């Protein structure tokens, strides 16, 4: 989506609150996060086309846990950062696909993890390919020791945009299933083949969760 007008982030945050409040939620908390307070900081990973509800849900369920999202340096990334700011989430500007070029963002995210922040990353962003997990979240997990939590957002009814990620916007008053999956630990020391096996494991878990509600 390419939307450009003044105060875009604020307007989209109003849209998010309105739609988010109208939806019927089914929550499957495999990670046990809704029972564990206080808890460790986690690296949330979710597909780029399912990011819409994440700021609303984090504020609704975990208002006392600070959060920071990774957003791209692009204009679209600025809009995402502005929307997240309305929900109390900070932003680190960079790319999960090119951690070597987003080192400053990686360092900032690592600092936030150590300060107890949840981290939100769309691992197929900012330009895809869709449903292909980039190495950024695993690098951050190795650096900090934080576990990666796959978060699945499954819509019963939605509008789909003609974008690279086929961005999905849930229709008001429809049902949404949220799955907070089992957190995954990434060892600090891995050779290339081991790293790839872990990457494929998380990608597979996320892809299974990308199916909409029947």
C-alpha atoms as a PDB file:
ATOM      1  CA  UNK A   1       0.000   0.000   0.000  1.00  0.00           C
ATOM      2  CA  UNK A   2       1.247   3.488  -0.818  1.00  0.00           C
ATOM      3  CA  UNK A   3      -0.753   6.092   1.038  1.00  0.00           C
ATOM      4  CA  UNK A   4       0.597   9.607   1.307  1.00  0.00           C
ATOM      5  CA  UNK A   5      -1.072  12.491   3.109  1.00  0.00           C
ATOM      6  CA  UNK A   6      -0.474  14.561   6.196  1.00  0.00           C
ATOM      7  CA  UNK A   7      -0.686  12.705   9.517  1.00  0.00           C
ATOM      8  CA  UNK A   8      -1.024   9.347   7.726  1.00  0.00           C
ATOM      9  CA  UNK A   9       0.192   7.415  10.759  1.00  0.00           C
ATOM     10  CA  UNK A  10      -2.359   9.044  13.057  1.00  0.00           C
ATOM     11  CA  UNK A  11      -5.248   8.420  10.670  1.00  0.00           C
ATOM     12  CA  UNK A  12      -4.256   4.786  10.137  1.00  0.00           C
ATOM     13  CA  UNK A  13      -3.987   4.290  13.900  1.00  0.00           C
ATOM     14  CA  UNK A  14      -7.626   5.421  14.227  1.00  0.00           C
ATOM     15  CA  UNK A  15      -8.594   2.917  11.527  1.00  0.00           C
ATOM     16  CA  UNK A  16      -6.659   0.197  13.338  1.00  0.00           C
ATOM     17  CA  UNK A  17      -8.335   0.934  16.674  1.00  0.00           C
ATOM     18  CA  UNK A  18     -11.778   0.957  15.079  1.00  0.00           C
ATOM     19  CA  UNK A  19     -11.361  -2.311  13.196  1.00  0.00           C
ATOM     20  CA  UNK A  20      -9.435  -3.943  16.041  1.00  0.00           C
ATOM     21  CA  UNK A  21     -12.191  -3.186  18.563  1.00  0.00           C
ATOM     22  CA  UNK A  22     -14.864  -4.658  16.270  1.00  0.00           C
ATOM     23  CA  UNK A  23     -13.233  -8.041  15.708  1.00  0.00           C
ATOM     24  CA  UNK A  24     -14.014 -11.333  17.449  1.00  0.00           C
ATOM     25  CA  UNK A  25     -10.819 -12.924  18.727  1.00  0.00           C
ATOM     26  CA  UNK A  26      -9.817 -16.509  19.290  1.00  0.00           C
ATOM     27  CA  UNK A  27      -6.481 -16.636  21.098  1.00  0.00           C
ATOM     28  CA  UNK A  28      -4.273 -19.714  21.214  1.00  0.00           C
ATOM     29  CA  UNK A  29      -1.482 -18.942  23.663  1.00  0.00           C
ATOM     30  CA  UNK A  30       0.996 -21.784  23.212  1.00  0.00           C
ATOM     31  CA  UNK A  31       3.758 -19.543  24.563  1.00  0.00           C
ATOM     32  CA  UNK A  32       1.892 -18.996  27.834  1.00  0.00           C
ATOM     33  CA  UNK A  33       2.425 -15.239  27.633  1.00  0.00           C
ATOM     34  CA  UNK A  34      -0.999 -14.246  28.923  1.00  0.00           C
ATOM     35  CA  UNK A  35      -0.291 -16.099  32.171  1.00  0.00           C
ATOM     36  CA  UNK A  36       3.377 -15.215  32.633  1.00  0.00           C
ATOM     37  CA  UNK A  37       3.783 -11.785  34.183  1.00  0.00           C
ATOM     38  CA  UNK A  38       6.478 -10.579  34.410  1.00  0.00           C
ATOM     39  CA  UNK A  39       8.175 -12.429  31.577  1.00  0.00           C
ATOM     40  CA  UNK A  40      11.277 -12.338  29.417  1.00  0.00           C
ATOM     41  CA  UNK A  41      11.580 -10.076  26.392  1.00  0.00           C
ATOM     42  CA  UNK A  42      10.805 -11.876  23.128  1.00  0.00           C
ATOM     43  CA  UNK A  43      11.457 -11.367  19.436  1.00  0.00           C
ATOM     44  CA  UNK A  44       8.036 -11.483  17.772  1.00  0.00           C
ATOM     45  CA  UNK A  45       8.125 -12.564  14.113  1.00  0.00           C
ATOM     46  CA  UNK A  46       5.062 -12.298  11.863  1.00  0.00           C
ATOM     47  CA  UNK A  47       4.590 -12.015   8.114  1.00  0.00           C
ATOM     48  CA  UNK A  48       4.552  -8.565   6.553  1.00  0.00           C
ATOM     49  CA  UNK A  49       1.001  -8.975   5.252  1.00  0.00           C
ATOM     50  CA  UNK A  50      -0.336  -9.768   8.762  1.00  0.00           C
ATOM     51  CA  UNK A  51       1.254  -6.882  10.653  1.00  0.00           C
ATOM     52  CA  UNK A  52      -1.904  -4.733  10.762  1.00  0.00           C
ATOM     53  CA  UNK A  53      -3.218  -5.882  14.153  1.00  0.00           C
ATOM     54  CA  UNK A  54       0.090  -6.408  15.977  1.00  0.00           C
ATOM     55  CA  UNK A  55       0.420  -2.887  17.516  1.00  0.00           C
ATOM     56  CA  UNK A  56      -3.199  -2.993  18.732  1.00  0.00           C
ATOM     57  CA  UNK A  57      -2.840  -6.485  20.190  1.00  0.00           C
ATOM     58  CA  UNK A  58       0.442  -5.761  21.958  1.00  0.00           C
ATOM     59  CA  UNK A  59      -1.014  -2.674  23.618  1.00  0.00           C
ATOM     60  CA  UNK A  60      -4.201  -4.532  24.542  1.00  0.00           C
ATOM     61  CA  UNK A  61      -2.563  -7.634  26.051  1.00  0.00           C
ATOM     62  CA  UNK A  62       0.830  -6.360  27.198  1.00  0.00           C
ATOM     63  CA  UNK A  63       0.400  -2.664  28.055  1.00  0.00           C
ATOM     64  CA  UNK A  64       3.115  -2.833  30.723  1.00  0.00           C
ATOM     65  CA  UNK A  65       5.762  -4.355  28.447  1.00  0.00           C
ATOM     66  CA  UNK A  66       7.607  -1.860  26.213  1.00  0.00           C
ATOM     67  CA  UNK A  67       8.040  -2.725  22.572  1.00  0.00           C
ATOM     68  CA  UNK A  68      10.192  -1.780  19.602  1.00  0.00           C
ATOM     69  CA  UNK A  69       9.575  -2.666  15.963  1.00  0.00           C
ATOM     70  CA  UNK A  70      11.976  -2.880  13.039  1.00  0.00           C
ATOM     71  CA  UNK A  71      10.785  -0.675  10.183  1.00  0.00           C
ATOM     72  CA  UNK A  72      12.453   0.036   6.875  1.00  0.00           C
ATOM     73  CA  UNK A  73      14.134   3.377   6.051  1.00  0.00           C
ATOM     74  CA  UNK A  74      11.563   3.928   3.266  1.00  0.00           C
ATOM     75  CA  UNK A  75       8.523   6.186   3.276  1.00  0.00           C
ATOM     76  CA  UNK A  76       6.291   3.182   3.977  1.00  0.00           C
ATOM     77  CA  UNK A  77       8.552   2.295   6.893  1.00  0.00           C
ATOM     78  CA  UNK A  78       8.086   5.800   8.277  1.00  0.00           C
ATOM     79  CA  UNK A  79       4.297   5.388   8.141  1.00  0.00           C
ATOM     80  CA  UNK A  80       4.538   2.044   9.949  1.00  0.00           C
ATOM     81  CA  UNK A  81       6.752   3.644  12.591  1.00  0.00           C
ATOM     82  CA  UNK A  82       4.270   6.508  13.017  1.00  0.00           C
ATOM     83  CA  UNK A  83       1.353   4.095  13.449  1.00  0.00           C
ATOM     84  CA  UNK A  84       3.256   2.029  15.997  1.00  0.00           C
ATOM     85  CA  UNK A  85       4.151   5.182  17.925  1.00  0.00           C
ATOM     86  CA  UNK A  86       0.435   5.755  18.523  1.00  0.00           C
ATOM     87  CA  UNK A  87       0.401   2.399  20.346  1.00  0.00           C
ATOM     88  CA  UNK A  88       3.442   3.116  22.480  1.00  0.00           C
ATOM     89  CA  UNK A  89       5.903   1.178  20.315  1.00  0.00           C
ATOM     90  CA  UNK A  90       9.289   2.592  19.386  1.00  0.00           C
ATOM     91  CA  UNK A  91      10.924   2.000  16.003  1.00  0.00           C
ATOM     92  CA  UNK A  92      14.400   1.089  14.806  1.00  0.00           C
ATOM     93  CA  UNK A  93      14.868   1.889  11.120  1.00  0.00           C
ATOM     94  CA  UNK A  94      16.601  -0.833   9.129  1.00  0.00           C
ATOM     95  CA  UNK A  95      16.021  -4.080   7.199  1.00  0.00           C
ATOM     96  CA  UNK A  96      15.675  -7.684   8.327  1.00  0.00           C
ATOM     97  CA  UNK A  97      16.879  -8.827   4.895  1.00  0.00           C
ATOM     98  CA  UNK A  98      20.202  -6.945   5.053  1.00  0.00           C
ATOM     99  CA  UNK A  99      21.431  -6.913   8.649  1.00  0.00           C
ATOM    100  CA  UNK A 100      24.906  -5.897   7.493  1.00  0.00           C
ATOM    101  CA  UNK A 101      23.409  -2.646   6.142  1.00  0.00           C
ATOM    102  CA  UNK A 102      21.111  -2.212   9.117  1.00  0.00           C
ATOM    103  CA  UNK A 103      23.758  -2.679  11.795  1.00  0.00           C
ATOM    104  CA  UNK A 104      22.738   0.451  13.686  1.00  0.00           C
ATOM    105  CA  UNK A 105      19.153  -0.833  13.847  1.00  0.00           C
ATOM    106  CA  UNK A 106      20.380  -4.256  14.992  1.00  0.00           C
ATOM    107  CA  UNK A 107      22.438  -2.642  17.745  1.00  0.00           C
ATOM    108  CA  UNK A 108      19.459  -0.552  18.858  1.00  0.00           C
ATOM    109  CA  UNK A 109      17.200  -3.620  18.928  1.00  0.00           C
ATOM    110  CA  UNK A 110      19.790  -5.522  20.963  1.00  0.00           C
ATOM    111  CA  UNK A 111      19.888  -2.673  23.480  1.00  0.00           C
ATOM    112  CA  UNK A 112      16.103  -2.718  23.703  1.00  0.00           C
ATOM    113  CA  UNK A 113      16.039  -6.480  24.325  1.00  0.00           C
ATOM    114  CA  UNK A 114      18.465  -6.023  27.205  1.00  0.00           C
ATOM    115  CA  UNK A 115      16.176  -3.293  28.577  1.00  0.00           C
ATOM    116  CA  UNK A 116      13.211  -5.703  28.584  1.00  0.00           C
ATOM    117  CA  UNK A 117      11.517  -4.653  25.345  1.00  0.00           C
ATOM    118  CA  UNK A 118       9.573  -7.008  23.105  1.00  0.00           C
ATOM    119  CA  UNK A 119      10.845  -6.735  19.532  1.00  0.00           C
ATOM    120  CA  UNK A 120       8.594  -6.959  16.458  1.00  0.00           C
ATOM    121  CA  UNK A 121      10.039  -8.009  13.082  1.00  0.00           C
ATOM    122  CA  UNK A 122       8.427  -8.856   9.747  1.00  0.00           C
ATOM    123  CA  UNK A 123      11.080 -11.293   8.503  1.00  0.00           C
ATOM    124  CA  UNK A 124       9.983 -11.163   4.862  1.00  0.00           C
ATOM    125  CA  UNK A 125      10.066  -7.353   4.825  1.00  0.00           C
ATOM    126  CA  UNK A 126      10.467  -4.779   3.626  1.00  0.00           C
ATOM    127  CA  UNK A 127      10.347  -6.007   0.000  1.00  0.00           C
ATOM    128  CA  UNK A 128       9.989  -9.777   0.131  1.00  0.00           C
ATOM    129  CA  UNK A 129       9.862 -12.343  -1.273  1.00  0.00           C
ATOM    130  CA  UNK A 130       6.605 -12.971   0.517  1.00  0.00           C
ATOM    131  CA  UNK A 131       6.754 -15.726   3.165  1.00  0.00           C
ATOM    132  CA  UNK A 132      10.536 -16.022   2.955  1.00  0.00           C
ATOM    133  CA  UNK A 133      12.276 -15.574   6.292  1.00  0.00           C
ATOM    134  CA  UNK A 134      15.342 -13.354   6.237  1.00  0.00           C
ATOM    135  CA  UNK A 135      18.243 -13.845   8.686  1.00  0.00           C
ATOM    136  CA  UNK A 136      17.774 -10.687  10.789  1.00  0.00           C
ATOM    137  CA  UNK A 137      15.688 -12.182  13.637  1.00  0.00           C
ATOM    138  CA  UNK A 138      18.084 -15.101  14.048  1.00  0.00           C
ATOM    139  CA  UNK A 139      21.089 -12.757  14.162  1.00  0.00           C
ATOM    140  CA  UNK A 140      19.356 -10.707  16.850  1.00  0.00           C
ATOM    141  CA  UNK A 141      18.517 -13.848  18.831  1.00  0.00           C
ATOM    142  CA  UNK A 142      22.143 -14.984  18.672  1.00  0.00           C
ATOM    143  CA  UNK A 143      23.361 -11.566  19.763  1.00  0.00           C
ATOM    144  CA  UNK A 144      20.991 -11.196  22.722  1.00  0.00           C
ATOM    145  CA  UNK A 145      19.950 -14.694  23.786  1.00  0.00           C
ATOM    146  CA  UNK A 146      16.277 -13.702  23.403  1.00  0.00           C
ATOM    147  CA  UNK A 147      13.929 -16.339  22.044  1.00  0.00           C
ATOM    148  CA  UNK A 148      12.001 -15.963  18.790  1.00  0.00           C
ATOM    149  CA  UNK A 149       8.214 -16.226  19.063  1.00  0.00           C
ATOM    150  CA  UNK A 150       6.278 -16.869  15.838  1.00  0.00           C
ATOM    151  CA  UNK A 151       2.993 -14.928  15.946  1.00  0.00           C
ATOM    152  CA  UNK A 152       0.247 -16.060  13.566  1.00  0.00           C
ATOM    153  CA  UNK A 153      -2.680 -13.879  12.546  1.00  0.00           C
ATOM    154  CA  UNK A 154      -5.436 -15.756  10.686  1.00  0.00           C
ATOM    155  CA  UNK A 155      -8.437 -13.852   9.314  1.00  0.00           C
ATOM    156  CA  UNK A 156     -11.889 -15.239   8.631  1.00  0.00           C
ATOM    157  CA  UNK A 157     -12.667 -12.476   6.126  1.00  0.00           C
ATOM    158  CA  UNK A 158     -10.358  -9.850   4.671  1.00  0.00           C
ATOM    159  CA  UNK A 159      -9.550  -7.483   1.848  1.00  0.00           C
ATOM    160  CA  UNK A 160      -6.342  -8.282  -0.051  1.00  0.00           C
ATOM    161  CA  UNK A 161      -4.251  -5.525  -1.630  1.00  0.00           C
ATOM    162  CA  UNK A 162      -2.305  -5.828  -4.878  1.00  0.00           C
ATOM    163  CA  UNK A 163       1.087  -5.393  -3.222  1.00  0.00           C
ATOM    164  CA  UNK A 164       4.186  -7.602  -3.219  1.00  0.00           C
ATOM    165  CA  UNK A 165       3.089  -9.180   0.077  1.00  0.00           C
ATOM    166  CA  UNK A 166      -0.636  -9.384  -0.782  1.00  0.00           C
ATOM    167  CA  UNK A 167      -1.335  -7.295   2.330  1.00  0.00           C
ATOM    168  CA  UNK A 168      -4.445  -8.385   4.206  1.00  0.00           C
ATOM    169  CA  UNK A 169      -6.867  -6.052   5.994  1.00  0.00           C
ATOM    170  CA  UNK A 170      -9.457  -7.802   8.173  1.00  0.00           C
ATOM    171  CA  UNK A 171     -13.081  -6.890   7.572  1.00  0.00           C
ATOM    172  CA  UNK A 172     -14.805  -5.276  10.565  1.00  0.00           C
ATOM    173  CA  UNK A 173     -16.802  -7.583  12.864  1.00  0.00           C
ATOM    174  CA  UNK A 174     -15.201 -10.724  11.439  1.00  0.00           C
ATOM    175  CA  UNK A 175     -13.309 -13.384  13.396  1.00  0.00           C
ATOM    176  CA  UNK A 176      -9.555 -13.458  13.883  1.00  0.00           C
ATOM    177  CA  UNK A 177      -7.440 -16.251  15.319  1.00  0.00           C
ATOM    178  CA  UNK A 178      -4.229 -15.198  17.064  1.00  0.00           C
ATOM    179  CA  UNK A 179      -1.645 -17.882  17.783  1.00  0.00           C
ATOM    180  CA  UNK A 180       1.290 -17.039  20.035  1.00  0.00           C
ATOM    181  CA  UNK A 181       3.509 -19.988  19.191  1.00  0.00           C
ATOM    182  CA  UNK A 182       6.174 -21.741  21.247  1.00  0.00           C
ATOM    183  CA  UNK A 183       9.293 -19.529  21.521  1.00  0.00           C
ATOM    184  CA  UNK A 184      12.397 -20.861  19.785  1.00  0.00           C
ATOM    185  CA  UNK A 185      15.947 -20.546  21.117  1.00  0.00           C
ATOM    186  CA  UNK A 186      18.804 -19.913  18.692  1.00  0.00           C
ATOM    187  CA  UNK A 187      22.278 -21.038  19.843  1.00  0.00           C
ATOM    188  CA  UNK A 188      24.916 -18.315  19.794  1.00  0.00           C
ATOM    189  CA  UNK A 189      27.382 -20.431  17.829  1.00  0.00           C
ATOM    190  CA  UNK A 190      26.181 -22.081  14.633  1.00  0.00           C
ATOM    191  CA  UNK A 191      27.913 -23.013  11.425  1.00  0.00           C
ATOM    192  CA  UNK A 192      26.294 -22.056   8.118  1.00  0.00           C
ATOM    193  CA  UNK A 193      24.384 -25.315   7.726  1.00  0.00           C
ATOM    194  CA  UNK A 194      23.061 -25.239  11.299  1.00  0.00           C
ATOM    195  CA  UNK A 195      21.988 -21.630  10.923  1.00  0.00           C
ATOM    196  CA  UNK A 196      20.092 -22.488   7.746  1.00  0.00           C
ATOM    197  CA  UNK A 197      18.289 -25.374   9.462  1.00  0.00           C
ATOM    198  CA  UNK A 198      17.077 -23.034  12.193  1.00  0.00           C
ATOM    199  CA  UNK A 199      16.028 -20.455   9.595  1.00  0.00           C
ATOM    200  CA  UNK A 200      14.050 -23.056   7.670  1.00  0.00           C
ATOM    201  CA  UNK A 201      12.429 -24.313  10.883  1.00  0.00           C
ATOM    202  CA  UNK A 202      11.066 -20.883  11.789  1.00  0.00           C
ATOM    203  CA  UNK A 203      10.040 -20.152   8.213  1.00  0.00           C
ATOM    204  CA  UNK A 204       8.113 -23.440   8.095  1.00  0.00           C
ATOM    205  CA  UNK A 205       6.322 -22.680  11.369  1.00  0.00           C
ATOM    206  CA  UNK A 206       5.297 -19.253  10.093  1.00  0.00           C
ATOM    207  CA  UNK A 207       4.146 -20.569   6.733  1.00  0.00           C
ATOM    208  CA  UNK A 208       1.887 -23.149   8.375  1.00  0.00           C
ATOM    209  CA  UNK A 209       0.311 -20.333  10.385  1.00  0.00           C
ATOM    210  CA  UNK A 210      -0.298 -18.177   7.298  1.00  0.00           C
ATOM    211  CA  UNK A 211      -3.460 -20.056   6.301  1.00  0.00           C
ATOM    212  CA  UNK A 212      -6.677 -18.083   6.847  1.00  0.00           C
ATOM    213  CA  UNK A 213      -9.636 -19.313   8.859  1.00  0.00           C
ATOM    214  CA  UNK A 214     -11.928 -21.749   7.092  1.00  0.00           C
END
